[in-house]
N, C-alpha and C. Protein backbone atom coordinates (compact mmCIF):
# COMPACT_ATOMS: atom_id res chain seq x y z
N MET A 1 12.45 -4.26 21.17
CA MET A 1 12.31 -2.92 21.73
C MET A 1 10.94 -2.81 22.36
N ASN A 2 10.89 -2.40 23.59
CA ASN A 2 9.57 -2.24 24.18
C ASN A 2 9.06 -0.83 23.91
N GLY A 3 7.75 -0.62 24.06
CA GLY A 3 7.14 0.64 23.71
C GLY A 3 7.69 1.82 24.48
N ASP A 4 8.23 1.59 25.70
CA ASP A 4 8.75 2.68 26.50
C ASP A 4 10.07 3.22 25.97
N ASP A 5 10.76 2.45 25.12
CA ASP A 5 12.06 2.87 24.62
C ASP A 5 11.98 3.71 23.35
N SER A 6 10.81 3.81 22.75
CA SER A 6 10.70 4.54 21.49
C SER A 6 9.98 5.87 21.71
N HIS A 7 10.25 6.78 20.81
CA HIS A 7 9.54 8.04 20.84
C HIS A 7 9.49 8.62 19.43
N TRP A 8 8.62 9.58 19.25
CA TRP A 8 8.44 10.21 17.95
C TRP A 8 9.22 11.51 17.91
N LEU A 9 9.98 11.69 16.86
CA LEU A 9 10.83 12.86 16.67
C LEU A 9 10.21 13.78 15.63
N ASP A 10 9.91 15.01 16.01
CA ASP A 10 9.38 16.02 15.10
C ASP A 10 10.49 16.42 14.13
N VAL A 11 10.29 16.18 12.84
CA VAL A 11 11.33 16.51 11.86
C VAL A 11 10.95 17.66 10.93
N GLY A 12 9.80 18.27 11.16
CA GLY A 12 9.44 19.45 10.37
C GLY A 12 8.06 19.36 9.77
N SER A 13 7.77 20.33 8.95
CA SER A 13 6.46 20.48 8.35
C SER A 13 6.36 19.75 7.01
N ILE A 14 5.19 19.18 6.75
CA ILE A 14 4.96 18.54 5.45
C ILE A 14 5.05 19.58 4.32
N ALA A 15 4.79 20.83 4.63
CA ALA A 15 4.87 21.88 3.62
C ALA A 15 6.30 22.04 3.09
N ASP A 16 7.28 21.61 3.86
CA ASP A 16 8.67 21.71 3.43
C ASP A 16 9.10 20.57 2.50
N VAL A 17 8.23 19.58 2.34
CA VAL A 17 8.53 18.46 1.45
C VAL A 17 7.71 18.66 0.18
N PRO A 18 8.36 18.78 -0.97
CA PRO A 18 7.59 19.00 -2.20
C PRO A 18 6.71 17.80 -2.54
N VAL A 19 5.56 18.07 -3.15
CA VAL A 19 4.70 17.00 -3.62
C VAL A 19 5.48 16.19 -4.65
N ARG A 20 5.42 14.85 -4.51
CA ARG A 20 6.18 13.91 -5.35
C ARG A 20 7.68 14.18 -5.25
N GLY A 21 8.11 14.53 -4.04
CA GLY A 21 9.53 14.80 -3.80
C GLY A 21 9.94 14.32 -2.43
N ALA A 22 11.13 14.74 -2.01
CA ALA A 22 11.67 14.29 -0.73
C ALA A 22 12.57 15.34 -0.12
N ARG A 23 12.83 15.18 1.15
CA ARG A 23 13.82 15.93 1.89
C ARG A 23 14.57 14.96 2.77
N VAL A 24 15.80 15.34 3.14
CA VAL A 24 16.66 14.48 3.95
C VAL A 24 16.63 14.95 5.40
N VAL A 25 16.52 13.99 6.30
CA VAL A 25 16.64 14.25 7.74
C VAL A 25 17.94 13.59 8.17
N LYS A 26 18.82 14.39 8.77
CA LYS A 26 20.12 13.89 9.24
C LYS A 26 19.99 13.50 10.70
N LEU A 27 20.21 12.23 10.97
CA LEU A 27 20.20 11.72 12.34
C LEU A 27 21.60 11.25 12.69
N PRO A 28 21.93 11.13 13.96
CA PRO A 28 23.27 10.67 14.34
C PRO A 28 23.65 9.33 13.73
N ILE A 29 22.68 8.49 13.46
CA ILE A 29 22.98 7.16 12.92
C ILE A 29 22.83 7.08 11.41
N GLY A 30 22.48 8.16 10.75
CA GLY A 30 22.37 8.12 9.29
C GLY A 30 21.34 9.07 8.74
N CYS A 31 21.21 9.02 7.43
CA CYS A 31 20.26 9.90 6.73
C CYS A 31 18.99 9.15 6.39
N VAL A 32 17.89 9.86 6.56
CA VAL A 32 16.58 9.33 6.24
C VAL A 32 15.96 10.24 5.18
N ALA A 33 15.41 9.63 4.14
CA ALA A 33 14.69 10.39 3.12
C ALA A 33 13.21 10.34 3.47
N VAL A 34 12.60 11.52 3.61
CA VAL A 34 11.17 11.63 3.87
C VAL A 34 10.50 12.03 2.56
N PHE A 35 9.58 11.19 2.10
CA PHE A 35 8.92 11.38 0.81
C PHE A 35 7.48 11.80 1.00
N ARG A 36 6.99 12.59 0.04
CA ARG A 36 5.58 13.00 -0.01
C ARG A 36 5.03 12.61 -1.37
N THR A 37 3.95 11.87 -1.37
CA THR A 37 3.35 11.43 -2.63
C THR A 37 2.39 12.50 -3.16
N ALA A 38 1.84 12.24 -4.34
CA ALA A 38 0.88 13.16 -4.95
C ALA A 38 -0.40 13.26 -4.12
N THR A 39 -0.67 12.24 -3.30
CA THR A 39 -1.86 12.25 -2.45
C THR A 39 -1.53 12.63 -1.01
N ASP A 40 -0.37 13.24 -0.80
CA ASP A 40 0.07 13.73 0.50
C ASP A 40 0.31 12.65 1.55
N GLU A 41 0.60 11.42 1.12
CA GLU A 41 1.06 10.39 2.04
C GLU A 41 2.54 10.62 2.28
N VAL A 42 3.01 10.29 3.48
CA VAL A 42 4.43 10.42 3.78
C VAL A 42 5.03 9.05 4.06
N PHE A 43 6.27 8.88 3.61
CA PHE A 43 7.03 7.65 3.83
C PHE A 43 8.44 8.05 4.20
N ALA A 44 9.12 7.19 4.92
CA ALA A 44 10.52 7.45 5.29
C ALA A 44 11.32 6.17 5.08
N ILE A 45 12.43 6.31 4.38
CA ILE A 45 13.33 5.18 4.13
C ILE A 45 14.77 5.68 4.22
N ALA A 46 15.68 4.75 4.38
CA ALA A 46 17.10 5.11 4.36
C ALA A 46 17.41 5.74 3.01
N ASP A 47 18.20 6.80 3.04
CA ASP A 47 18.51 7.56 1.81
C ASP A 47 19.70 6.96 1.07
N ARG A 48 19.60 5.67 0.79
CA ARG A 48 20.72 4.99 0.13
C ARG A 48 20.19 3.80 -0.66
N CYS A 49 20.30 3.88 -1.97
CA CYS A 49 19.82 2.80 -2.83
C CYS A 49 20.61 1.52 -2.53
N PRO A 50 19.93 0.36 -2.50
CA PRO A 50 20.64 -0.89 -2.22
C PRO A 50 21.57 -1.33 -3.36
N HIS A 51 21.44 -0.72 -4.51
CA HIS A 51 22.25 -1.11 -5.65
C HIS A 51 23.67 -0.55 -5.57
N LYS A 52 23.80 0.75 -5.66
CA LYS A 52 25.12 1.40 -5.64
C LYS A 52 25.18 2.58 -4.66
N GLY A 53 24.20 2.67 -3.76
CA GLY A 53 24.25 3.70 -2.73
C GLY A 53 23.78 5.07 -3.17
N GLY A 54 23.07 5.14 -4.27
CA GLY A 54 22.59 6.44 -4.77
C GLY A 54 21.63 7.11 -3.80
N PRO A 55 21.55 8.44 -3.85
CA PRO A 55 20.67 9.20 -2.96
C PRO A 55 19.21 9.11 -3.41
N LEU A 56 18.43 8.27 -2.76
CA LEU A 56 17.04 8.09 -3.15
C LEU A 56 16.24 9.38 -3.01
N SER A 57 16.65 10.25 -2.11
CA SER A 57 15.94 11.52 -1.92
C SER A 57 15.99 12.39 -3.17
N GLN A 58 16.90 12.11 -4.09
CA GLN A 58 16.99 12.87 -5.34
C GLN A 58 16.31 12.16 -6.50
N GLY A 59 15.62 11.06 -6.19
CA GLY A 59 14.95 10.29 -7.22
C GLY A 59 13.58 10.86 -7.59
N ILE A 60 12.94 10.21 -8.54
CA ILE A 60 11.61 10.60 -9.00
C ILE A 60 10.58 9.75 -8.27
N VAL A 61 9.62 10.44 -7.63
CA VAL A 61 8.55 9.76 -6.90
C VAL A 61 7.37 9.55 -7.85
N HIS A 62 6.89 8.31 -7.90
CA HIS A 62 5.72 7.98 -8.73
C HIS A 62 4.90 6.96 -7.97
N GLY A 63 3.64 7.30 -7.74
CA GLY A 63 2.80 6.44 -6.91
C GLY A 63 3.40 6.32 -5.53
N LYS A 64 3.63 5.08 -5.09
CA LYS A 64 4.25 4.82 -3.78
C LYS A 64 5.63 4.20 -3.99
N ALA A 65 6.36 4.74 -4.94
CA ALA A 65 7.71 4.26 -5.26
C ALA A 65 8.60 5.45 -5.63
N VAL A 66 9.91 5.19 -5.57
CA VAL A 66 10.89 6.20 -5.99
C VAL A 66 11.87 5.50 -6.93
N THR A 67 12.29 6.22 -7.97
CA THR A 67 13.29 5.69 -8.89
C THR A 67 14.63 6.33 -8.56
N CYS A 68 15.63 5.50 -8.30
CA CYS A 68 16.96 5.99 -7.96
C CYS A 68 17.52 6.81 -9.13
N PRO A 69 18.13 7.96 -8.84
CA PRO A 69 18.65 8.80 -9.92
C PRO A 69 19.91 8.25 -10.59
N LEU A 70 20.57 7.26 -9.99
CA LEU A 70 21.81 6.76 -10.59
C LEU A 70 21.59 5.70 -11.66
N HIS A 71 20.80 4.66 -11.33
CA HIS A 71 20.68 3.53 -12.26
C HIS A 71 19.24 3.07 -12.45
N ASN A 72 18.29 3.93 -12.09
CA ASN A 72 16.86 3.69 -12.35
C ASN A 72 16.25 2.50 -11.61
N TRP A 73 16.84 2.10 -10.50
CA TRP A 73 16.18 1.08 -9.68
C TRP A 73 14.91 1.71 -9.08
N VAL A 74 13.83 0.95 -9.05
CA VAL A 74 12.57 1.41 -8.46
C VAL A 74 12.43 0.76 -7.09
N ILE A 75 12.24 1.61 -6.07
CA ILE A 75 12.15 1.15 -4.69
C ILE A 75 10.76 1.48 -4.14
N SER A 76 10.10 0.49 -3.55
CA SER A 76 8.80 0.71 -2.92
C SER A 76 8.98 1.56 -1.67
N LEU A 77 8.19 2.62 -1.56
CA LEU A 77 8.24 3.45 -0.36
C LEU A 77 7.55 2.76 0.82
N GLU A 78 6.67 1.81 0.52
CA GLU A 78 5.96 1.09 1.58
C GLU A 78 6.81 0.00 2.22
N THR A 79 7.55 -0.74 1.40
CA THR A 79 8.29 -1.90 1.91
C THR A 79 9.81 -1.73 1.87
N GLY A 80 10.30 -0.78 1.08
CA GLY A 80 11.73 -0.60 0.90
C GLY A 80 12.34 -1.57 -0.09
N GLU A 81 11.53 -2.45 -0.67
CA GLU A 81 12.04 -3.47 -1.58
C GLU A 81 12.19 -2.95 -3.00
N ALA A 82 13.26 -3.41 -3.67
CA ALA A 82 13.44 -3.12 -5.09
C ALA A 82 12.34 -3.82 -5.87
N GLN A 83 11.86 -3.16 -6.91
CA GLN A 83 10.76 -3.69 -7.71
C GLN A 83 11.28 -4.32 -9.00
N GLY A 84 10.44 -5.11 -9.64
CA GLY A 84 10.81 -5.74 -10.90
C GLY A 84 11.86 -6.81 -10.67
N ALA A 85 12.78 -6.93 -11.62
CA ALA A 85 13.80 -7.97 -11.58
C ALA A 85 14.92 -7.66 -10.58
N ASP A 86 15.01 -6.41 -10.13
CA ASP A 86 16.08 -6.02 -9.21
C ASP A 86 15.84 -6.60 -7.83
N LYS A 87 16.92 -6.94 -7.15
CA LYS A 87 16.83 -7.51 -5.80
C LYS A 87 17.58 -6.61 -4.83
N GLY A 88 16.97 -6.35 -3.71
CA GLY A 88 17.58 -5.52 -2.67
C GLY A 88 16.49 -4.82 -1.88
N GLN A 89 16.88 -4.25 -0.77
CA GLN A 89 15.91 -3.58 0.09
C GLN A 89 16.60 -2.51 0.90
N VAL A 90 15.89 -1.42 1.16
CA VAL A 90 16.37 -0.38 2.06
C VAL A 90 15.49 -0.40 3.30
N GLN A 91 16.02 0.14 4.36
CA GLN A 91 15.30 0.20 5.62
C GLN A 91 14.13 1.18 5.51
N THR A 92 12.98 0.77 6.01
CA THR A 92 11.84 1.68 6.14
C THR A 92 11.78 2.16 7.59
N ILE A 93 11.29 3.35 7.78
CA ILE A 93 11.22 3.95 9.10
C ILE A 93 9.77 4.34 9.37
N PRO A 94 9.23 3.96 10.52
CA PRO A 94 7.86 4.40 10.84
C PRO A 94 7.78 5.92 10.84
N VAL A 95 6.77 6.42 10.17
CA VAL A 95 6.57 7.86 10.04
C VAL A 95 5.08 8.14 10.16
N LYS A 96 4.77 9.29 10.71
CA LYS A 96 3.36 9.70 10.78
C LYS A 96 3.26 11.19 10.50
N LEU A 97 2.09 11.59 10.09
CA LEU A 97 1.79 12.99 9.80
C LEU A 97 0.62 13.40 10.68
N GLU A 98 0.84 14.40 11.52
CA GLU A 98 -0.20 14.91 12.41
C GLU A 98 -0.22 16.43 12.36
N ASP A 99 -1.34 16.97 12.00
CA ASP A 99 -1.52 18.43 11.95
C ASP A 99 -0.42 19.11 11.14
N GLY A 100 -0.03 18.47 10.04
CA GLY A 100 0.96 19.06 9.15
C GLY A 100 2.41 18.85 9.57
N VAL A 101 2.63 18.13 10.67
CA VAL A 101 3.98 17.88 11.17
C VAL A 101 4.36 16.43 10.88
N VAL A 102 5.60 16.23 10.39
CA VAL A 102 6.12 14.90 10.09
C VAL A 102 6.88 14.40 11.31
N TRP A 103 6.60 13.16 11.72
CA TRP A 103 7.23 12.55 12.88
C TRP A 103 7.88 11.24 12.48
N LEU A 104 9.13 11.00 12.92
CA LEU A 104 9.82 9.73 12.74
C LEU A 104 9.92 9.03 14.07
N CYS A 105 9.81 7.70 14.06
CA CYS A 105 9.92 6.92 15.29
C CYS A 105 11.36 6.47 15.48
N VAL A 106 11.94 6.82 16.62
CA VAL A 106 13.30 6.43 16.98
C VAL A 106 13.29 5.86 18.39
N ASP A 107 14.35 5.11 18.72
CA ASP A 107 14.41 4.60 20.09
C ASP A 107 15.41 5.43 20.90
N GLY A 108 15.47 5.16 22.18
CA GLY A 108 16.30 5.94 23.08
C GLY A 108 17.79 5.86 22.78
N ALA A 109 18.22 4.84 22.06
CA ALA A 109 19.64 4.67 21.72
C ALA A 109 20.01 5.38 20.42
N GLY A 110 19.04 6.01 19.78
CA GLY A 110 19.33 6.69 18.53
C GLY A 110 19.17 5.83 17.31
N ASN A 111 18.65 4.62 17.48
CA ASN A 111 18.36 3.77 16.34
C ASN A 111 16.98 4.08 15.80
N LEU A 112 16.78 3.76 14.55
CA LEU A 112 15.45 3.92 13.99
C LEU A 112 14.57 2.82 14.57
N ALA A 113 13.27 3.06 14.59
CA ALA A 113 12.35 2.23 15.36
C ALA A 113 12.34 0.76 14.98
N ASN A 114 12.66 0.41 13.76
CA ASN A 114 12.62 -1.01 13.42
C ASN A 114 13.90 -1.72 13.80
N GLY A 115 14.80 -1.04 14.54
CA GLY A 115 15.92 -1.69 15.18
C GLY A 115 17.24 -1.67 14.46
N ALA A 116 17.27 -1.36 13.20
CA ALA A 116 18.53 -1.41 12.46
C ALA A 116 18.96 -0.01 12.05
N PRO A 117 20.19 0.37 12.33
CA PRO A 117 20.66 1.67 11.86
C PRO A 117 20.77 1.67 10.35
N THR A 118 20.77 2.85 9.76
CA THR A 118 20.81 2.94 8.31
C THR A 118 22.16 2.53 7.74
N GLY A 119 23.20 2.52 8.55
CA GLY A 119 24.51 2.11 8.07
C GLY A 119 25.27 3.20 7.35
N ARG A 120 24.83 4.42 7.44
CA ARG A 120 25.50 5.52 6.77
C ARG A 120 25.64 6.67 7.77
N ALA A 121 26.84 7.14 7.93
CA ALA A 121 27.08 8.21 8.91
C ALA A 121 26.37 9.48 8.50
N ALA A 122 25.89 10.22 9.48
CA ALA A 122 25.16 11.46 9.19
C ALA A 122 26.03 12.45 8.42
N ARG A 123 27.31 12.46 8.67
CA ARG A 123 28.15 13.42 7.96
C ARG A 123 28.23 13.12 6.47
N GLY A 124 27.82 11.93 6.04
CA GLY A 124 27.82 11.57 4.64
C GLY A 124 26.54 11.94 3.93
N CYS A 125 25.70 12.73 4.56
CA CYS A 125 24.38 13.05 4.03
C CYS A 125 24.34 14.41 3.37
N SER A 126 25.31 14.72 2.59
CA SER A 126 25.38 16.07 2.04
C SER A 126 24.53 16.26 0.80
N LEU A 127 24.04 15.19 0.19
CA LEU A 127 23.25 15.32 -1.01
C LEU A 127 21.81 15.62 -0.66
N GLY A 128 21.13 16.35 -1.50
CA GLY A 128 19.73 16.67 -1.30
C GLY A 128 19.54 17.82 -0.34
N LYS A 129 18.30 18.25 -0.21
CA LYS A 129 17.97 19.33 0.70
C LYS A 129 17.46 18.74 2.00
N SER A 130 17.84 19.37 3.11
CA SER A 130 17.38 18.90 4.42
C SER A 130 15.95 19.37 4.65
N LEU A 131 15.21 18.53 5.35
CA LEU A 131 13.83 18.88 5.69
C LEU A 131 13.79 20.00 6.70
N ASP A 132 14.62 19.90 7.72
CA ASP A 132 14.51 20.85 8.79
C ASP A 132 15.89 21.19 9.35
N ARG A 133 16.45 20.26 10.09
CA ARG A 133 17.73 20.50 10.76
C ARG A 133 18.33 19.16 11.15
N ASP A 134 19.57 19.18 11.59
CA ASP A 134 20.17 17.96 12.13
C ASP A 134 19.46 17.64 13.45
N HIS A 135 19.30 16.36 13.74
CA HIS A 135 18.54 15.96 14.91
C HIS A 135 19.37 15.11 15.85
N PRO A 136 19.87 15.70 16.95
CA PRO A 136 20.49 14.86 17.96
C PRO A 136 19.42 14.05 18.65
N ILE A 137 19.74 12.85 19.04
CA ILE A 137 18.77 12.02 19.76
C ILE A 137 18.89 12.34 21.25
N PRO A 138 17.76 12.71 21.87
CA PRO A 138 17.80 13.07 23.30
C PRO A 138 18.19 11.89 24.16
């Protein structure tokens, strides 16, 4: 993907994401969980645990990781990789915070910036609270 094909999508205010919590952003290609740590860092990953598909946005955030609410898998918010003895990985999405606004990087085709769709249809994103609104890709 060349730099001209990507753009940043405003998905809402950091104030709408609870500290040590998450909100879901519904995109045409899937759901993204936007997390806020205790130190106000933001991370974005696919909202689907690699183990059994649990909603990571409903997990417990600790440090720079989230624990899946279904089977206690711990997922790194930085790399998307399962921690400890568990094996698996979720997609990470480039995210930035500017002046209190959370931005996700997407490309012109509606894919997330690292090139792989989340693999989950947006209509399947009914769990958790939405950060802002559904986001059609321009």
